[in-house]
Amino acid sequence: MPLLEIRSLTKVFPLGESIFGGGAKGEVRAVDDVSLDIQAGETLGLVGESGSGKSTLGRLLLRLIEPTSGNIRFDGRDLLAADHGAMRRLRRDMQIIFQDPFGSLDPRMRVEDVISEPLIIHERMSATARRVRVAELLRAVGLDESALRRFPHEFSGGQRQRIGIARALALKPRFIVADEPVSALDVSVGAQIVNLLAQLQREFGLTYLFISHSMPVIRYLATRIAVMYRGKIVEVGPTEQITSTPSHPYTKSLLAATPEMEIA
């Protein structure tokens, strides 16, 4: 059984009221009848250009936004039927790494507090135990304990993203949505983060939905690739198949427009 089963998932955003008083101008189908399975332990790479609906789909899977229709099952449980309490418990297993390492961390909080926050909300542990856990998480993402008392503005973009990854790992999740986690970083720093994510997946048995507009990054990290175009999944399959013998014209155009990039 897949870890995540997504069936006919749709999200429609209204465009708002007309300035002439004629009611709503229309609607945008940001996610349009998407069905996907994500297997435990795999990395499903979700690729497409900006505005294709990738990030919206990722947020729908975590119920950070609510779908218009469709169904999501996590480990056999109906996510959309879960009430607030049940969803709070499920969030231990489902986390997100945000695109912007500069905007995703509260500038008023020290690193120790940023990473401790989910532990305070979800775990019953002493302050000493929390500090030990936070120090372990920092080491896991390549930072040391000297970061604990510092603020986010004292770190580079790559270091901030490592802090965001540590926060996502705090509750030992099974599934992580990585929403364009390297797009705001320099190429060399982004490659380091991609390699870190691969290492953490092996170490902790994680399942990723890795969202990106970069086919080289997706090709390097993903087990399978799903191609998204105007809210729809137009092609899905093993990474080698999608990158060597794509069948959809949009996938072919993405590959043709993508320069080669070394990630090692």
Protein backbone atom coordinates (compact mmCIF):
# COMPACT_ATOMS: atom_id res chain seq x y z
CA MET A 1 0.00 0.00 0.00
CA PRO A 2 1.38 3.47 -0.87
CA LEU A 3 2.26 5.81 1.97
CA LEU A 4 0.22 8.52 0.24
CA GLU A 5 -2.71 7.96 -2.09
CA ILE A 6 -3.99 11.04 -3.89
CA ARG A 7 -7.19 10.75 -5.91
CA SER A 8 -8.88 13.39 -8.09
CA LEU A 9 -7.44 16.21 -5.98
CA THR A 10 -8.60 19.65 -7.08
CA LYS A 11 -8.08 23.17 -5.77
CA VAL A 12 -9.98 26.07 -7.29
CA PHE A 13 -9.21 29.68 -6.34
CA PRO A 14 -11.78 32.37 -7.17
CA LEU A 15 -10.32 35.42 -8.89
CA GLY A 16 -12.38 37.93 -6.91
CA GLU A 17 -15.09 40.44 -7.63
CA SER A 18 -15.33 42.40 -10.84
CA ILE A 19 -14.79 46.16 -10.54
CA PHE A 20 -18.03 46.59 -12.53
CA GLY A 21 -20.10 44.70 -9.96
CA GLY A 22 -20.66 41.66 -12.12
CA GLY A 23 -19.65 39.11 -9.48
CA ALA A 24 -16.59 36.94 -9.59
CA LYS A 25 -14.28 37.34 -12.56
CA GLY A 26 -13.70 33.62 -12.77
CA GLU A 27 -11.56 30.99 -11.16
CA VAL A 28 -8.14 29.39 -11.34
CA ARG A 29 -7.86 25.60 -11.16
CA ALA A 30 -4.45 25.56 -9.49
CA VAL A 31 -4.62 21.78 -9.03
CA ASP A 32 -6.89 19.97 -11.47
CA ASP A 33 -7.98 16.36 -10.87
CA VAL A 34 -4.58 15.07 -9.73
CA SER A 35 -4.16 11.39 -8.83
CA LEU A 36 -0.80 10.08 -7.58
CA ASP A 37 0.69 7.44 -5.31
CA ILE A 38 3.83 8.03 -3.25
CA GLN A 39 5.56 4.90 -1.99
CA ALA A 40 7.24 4.71 1.41
CA GLY A 41 10.96 5.45 1.16
CA GLU A 42 10.92 6.96 -2.32
CA THR A 43 11.55 10.45 -3.59
CA LEU A 44 8.84 11.55 -6.00
CA GLY A 45 10.13 14.55 -7.93
CA LEU A 46 7.41 17.00 -8.91
CA VAL A 47 8.63 19.20 -11.76
CA GLY A 48 7.09 21.99 -13.80
CA GLU A 49 7.44 25.66 -14.53
CA SER A 50 6.42 28.44 -12.13
CA GLY A 51 2.65 28.64 -11.80
CA SER A 52 2.03 25.02 -12.72
CA GLY A 53 0.50 24.24 -9.30
CA LYS A 54 3.41 22.32 -7.74
CA SER A 55 3.59 24.18 -4.43
CA THR A 56 -0.19 24.24 -4.12
CA LEU A 57 -0.27 20.47 -4.48
CA GLY A 58 2.41 20.08 -1.80
CA ARG A 59 0.48 22.23 0.64
CA LEU A 60 -2.75 20.38 -0.10
CA LEU A 61 -1.11 17.09 0.89
CA LEU A 62 -0.32 18.53 4.34
CA ARG A 63 -3.67 20.33 4.58
CA LEU A 64 -1.95 23.67 4.93
CA ILE A 65 -4.64 24.67 2.47
CA GLU A 66 -7.90 22.80 2.01
CA PRO A 67 -8.80 21.14 -1.32
CA THR A 68 -11.94 21.91 -3.26
CA SER A 69 -12.52 18.21 -3.90
CA GLY A 70 -10.76 14.88 -4.01
CA ASN A 71 -9.23 12.49 -1.51
CA ILE A 72 -5.89 12.10 0.29
CA ARG A 73 -4.99 9.00 2.28
CA PHE A 74 -1.86 8.83 4.43
CA ASP A 75 -0.87 5.32 5.47
CA GLY A 76 -4.47 4.26 4.86
CA ARG A 77 -6.04 7.13 6.83
CA ASP A 78 -8.38 9.62 5.20
CA LEU A 79 -6.67 12.98 5.81
CA LEU A 80 -9.66 15.05 4.75
CA ALA A 81 -11.89 13.29 7.30
CA ALA A 82 -9.45 13.97 10.16
CA ASP A 83 -10.63 16.52 12.70
CA HIS A 84 -8.34 19.11 14.30
CA GLY A 85 -7.06 16.75 16.99
CA ALA A 86 -6.42 13.88 14.60
CA MET A 87 -4.71 16.19 12.13
CA ARG A 88 -2.49 17.57 14.88
CA ARG A 89 -1.31 14.04 15.66
CA LEU A 90 -0.78 13.26 11.98
CA ARG A 91 1.40 16.35 11.53
CA ARG A 92 4.12 14.59 13.52
CA ASP A 93 4.55 12.32 10.50
CA MET A 94 4.22 15.02 7.82
CA GLN A 95 6.49 18.06 7.59
CA ILE A 96 7.59 20.66 5.05
CA ILE A 97 10.84 22.36 4.06
CA PHE A 98 10.02 25.77 2.63
CA GLN A 99 11.55 27.42 -0.41
CA ASP A 100 12.78 30.62 1.20
CA PRO A 101 15.36 30.07 3.94
CA PHE A 102 15.26 33.80 4.70
CA GLY A 103 11.49 34.09 5.18
CA SER A 104 10.73 30.70 6.77
CA LEU A 105 12.54 31.37 10.07
CA ASP A 106 11.26 33.85 12.66
CA PRO A 107 14.01 36.50 12.92
CA ARG A 108 13.10 37.15 16.58
CA MET A 109 13.76 33.55 17.66
CA ARG A 110 17.11 31.98 18.40
CA VAL A 111 17.95 28.78 16.53
CA GLU A 112 17.38 26.67 19.64
CA ASP A 113 13.85 28.07 19.95
CA VAL A 114 13.10 27.65 16.23
CA ILE A 115 13.94 23.94 16.29
CA SER A 116 12.46 23.39 19.78
CA GLU A 117 9.05 24.80 18.85
CA PRO A 118 7.58 21.58 17.38
CA LEU A 119 9.01 19.60 20.31
CA ILE A 120 7.31 21.93 22.80
CA ILE A 121 3.99 21.61 20.96
CA HIS A 122 4.02 17.85 20.35
CA GLU A 123 6.43 16.23 22.81
CA ARG A 124 6.55 15.98 26.58
CA MET A 125 10.22 16.33 27.41
CA SER A 126 12.30 18.36 29.79
CA ALA A 127 14.18 21.48 28.72
CA THR A 128 17.43 19.52 29.06
CA ALA A 129 16.17 16.69 26.86
CA ARG A 130 14.96 19.21 24.27
CA ARG A 131 18.34 20.90 24.18
CA VAL A 132 20.06 17.54 23.65
CA ARG A 133 17.63 16.71 20.83
CA VAL A 134 18.15 20.09 19.16
CA ALA A 135 21.93 19.68 19.33
CA GLU A 136 21.58 16.23 17.71
CA LEU A 137 19.48 17.69 14.92
CA LEU A 138 21.98 20.45 14.27
CA ARG A 139 24.78 17.92 13.97
CA ALA A 140 22.64 15.83 11.61
CA VAL A 141 22.36 18.78 9.20
CA GLY A 142 26.02 19.76 9.44
CA LEU A 143 25.93 22.53 12.08
CA ASP A 144 27.35 22.55 15.58
CA GLU A 145 26.07 23.62 18.98
CA SER A 146 27.50 27.12 18.61
CA ALA A 147 24.42 27.85 16.47
CA LEU A 148 22.00 27.31 19.35
CA ARG A 149 22.01 30.84 20.78
CA ARG A 150 22.34 32.72 17.51
CA PHE A 151 19.61 34.35 15.40
CA PRO A 152 18.74 33.47 11.79
CA HIS A 153 20.21 36.69 10.37
CA GLU A 154 23.65 35.58 11.55
CA PHE A 155 23.69 32.68 9.06
CA SER A 156 24.09 32.32 5.31
CA GLY A 157 21.22 31.14 3.11
CA GLY A 158 22.52 27.59 2.98
CA GLN A 159 22.95 27.48 6.76
CA ARG A 160 19.42 28.82 7.25
CA GLN A 161 18.07 26.10 5.02
CA ARG A 162 19.93 23.53 7.12
CA ILE A 163 18.19 24.99 10.19
CA GLY A 164 14.84 24.68 8.40
CA ILE A 165 15.62 21.04 7.61
CA ALA A 166 16.52 20.40 11.25
CA ARG A 167 13.17 21.85 12.31
CA ALA A 168 11.37 19.61 9.81
CA LEU A 169 13.16 16.56 11.24
CA ALA A 170 12.45 17.40 14.88
CA LEU A 171 9.41 15.14 15.26
CA LYS A 172 10.93 12.23 13.30
CA PRO A 173 8.48 12.51 10.39
CA ARG A 174 7.93 9.83 7.78
CA PHE A 175 7.01 12.15 4.93
CA ILE A 176 8.49 15.52 3.97
CA VAL A 177 7.39 17.96 1.29
CA ALA A 178 10.54 19.74 0.09
CA ASP A 179 9.14 22.78 -1.70
CA GLU A 180 11.84 24.18 -4.01
CA PRO A 181 14.36 23.98 -1.13
CA VAL A 182 17.38 24.98 -3.25
CA SER A 183 15.91 27.46 -5.74
CA ALA A 184 16.87 30.50 -3.62
CA LEU A 185 20.47 29.30 -3.13
CA ASP A 186 23.65 29.50 -5.17
CA VAL A 187 24.24 26.43 -7.33
CA SER A 188 27.14 25.09 -5.24
CA VAL A 189 25.26 25.62 -1.95
CA GLY A 190 22.12 24.11 -3.45
CA ALA A 191 24.10 21.00 -4.46
CA GLN A 192 25.26 20.63 -0.85
CA ILE A 193 21.66 20.80 0.38
CA VAL A 194 20.51 18.23 -2.19
CA ASN A 195 23.26 15.86 -1.07
CA LEU A 196 22.30 16.47 2.57
CA LEU A 197 18.68 15.57 1.82
CA ALA A 198 19.77 12.36 0.12
CA GLN A 199 21.95 11.48 3.12
CA LEU A 200 19.15 12.19 5.60
CA GLN A 201 16.74 10.05 3.59
CA ARG A 202 19.08 7.08 3.88
CA GLU A 203 19.74 7.74 7.56
CA PHE A 204 16.15 8.27 8.70
CA GLY A 205 14.14 6.30 6.11
CA LEU A 206 12.33 9.41 4.86
CA THR A 207 9.83 9.72 2.03
CA TYR A 208 10.04 12.92 -0.02
CA LEU A 209 7.86 14.87 -2.37
CA PHE A 210 10.61 17.01 -3.86
CA ILE A 211 9.22 20.01 -5.75
CA SER A 212 11.43 21.81 -8.24
CA HIS A 213 11.49 23.53 -11.62
CA SER A 214 15.03 22.18 -12.16
CA MET A 215 15.14 18.93 -14.09
CA PRO A 216 18.84 18.23 -13.24
CA VAL A 217 18.08 18.43 -9.51
CA ILE A 218 15.01 16.22 -9.91
CA ARG A 219 16.96 13.75 -12.06
CA TYR A 220 19.69 13.46 -9.41
CA LEU A 221 17.47 12.99 -6.36
CA ALA A 222 14.17 11.47 -7.50
CA THR A 223 13.18 7.83 -7.71
CA ARG A 224 10.23 8.76 -9.93
CA ILE A 225 9.19 11.97 -11.64
CA ALA A 226 5.75 13.53 -12.01
CA VAL A 227 5.49 16.36 -14.54
CA MET A 228 2.93 19.08 -13.79
CA TYR A 229 1.50 21.48 -16.36
CA ARG A 230 -1.33 23.95 -15.74
CA GLY A 231 -2.52 22.13 -12.63
CA LYS A 232 -2.49 18.64 -14.15
CA ILE A 233 -0.07 15.74 -13.97
CA VAL A 234 0.74 15.11 -17.61
CA GLU A 235 3.34 12.37 -17.18
CA VAL A 236 4.68 10.20 -14.37
CA GLY A 237 7.21 7.38 -14.32
CA PRO A 238 10.67 6.20 -13.26
CA THR A 239 13.35 8.88 -13.45
CA GLU A 240 15.35 7.15 -16.18
CA GLN A 241 12.26 6.65 -18.33
CA ILE A 242 11.04 10.24 -18.01
CA THR A 243 14.46 11.79 -18.66
CA SER A 244 15.52 9.50 -21.51
CA THR A 245 12.27 8.71 -23.34
CA PRO A 246 9.63 11.30 -22.34
CA SER A 247 6.25 10.88 -23.99
CA HIS A 248 4.52 14.22 -23.36
CA PRO A 249 5.47 17.29 -25.43
CA TYR A 250 5.69 19.45 -22.31
CA THR A 251 8.18 17.07 -20.70
CA LYS A 252 10.23 17.09 -23.90
CA SER A 253 10.27 20.90 -23.89
CA LEU A 254 11.38 20.98 -20.23
CA LEU A 255 14.25 18.63 -20.96
CA ALA A 256 15.26 20.50 -24.12
CA ALA A 257 15.38 23.81 -22.25
CA THR A 258 17.38 22.48 -19.30
CA PRO A 259 21.19 22.83 -19.20
CA GLU A 260 23.26 20.02 -17.74
CA MET A 261 24.41 20.55 -14.15
CA GLU A 262 26.83 18.63 -11.99
CA ILE A 263 25.67 17.61 -8.51
CA ALA A 264 28.23 15.58 -6.63
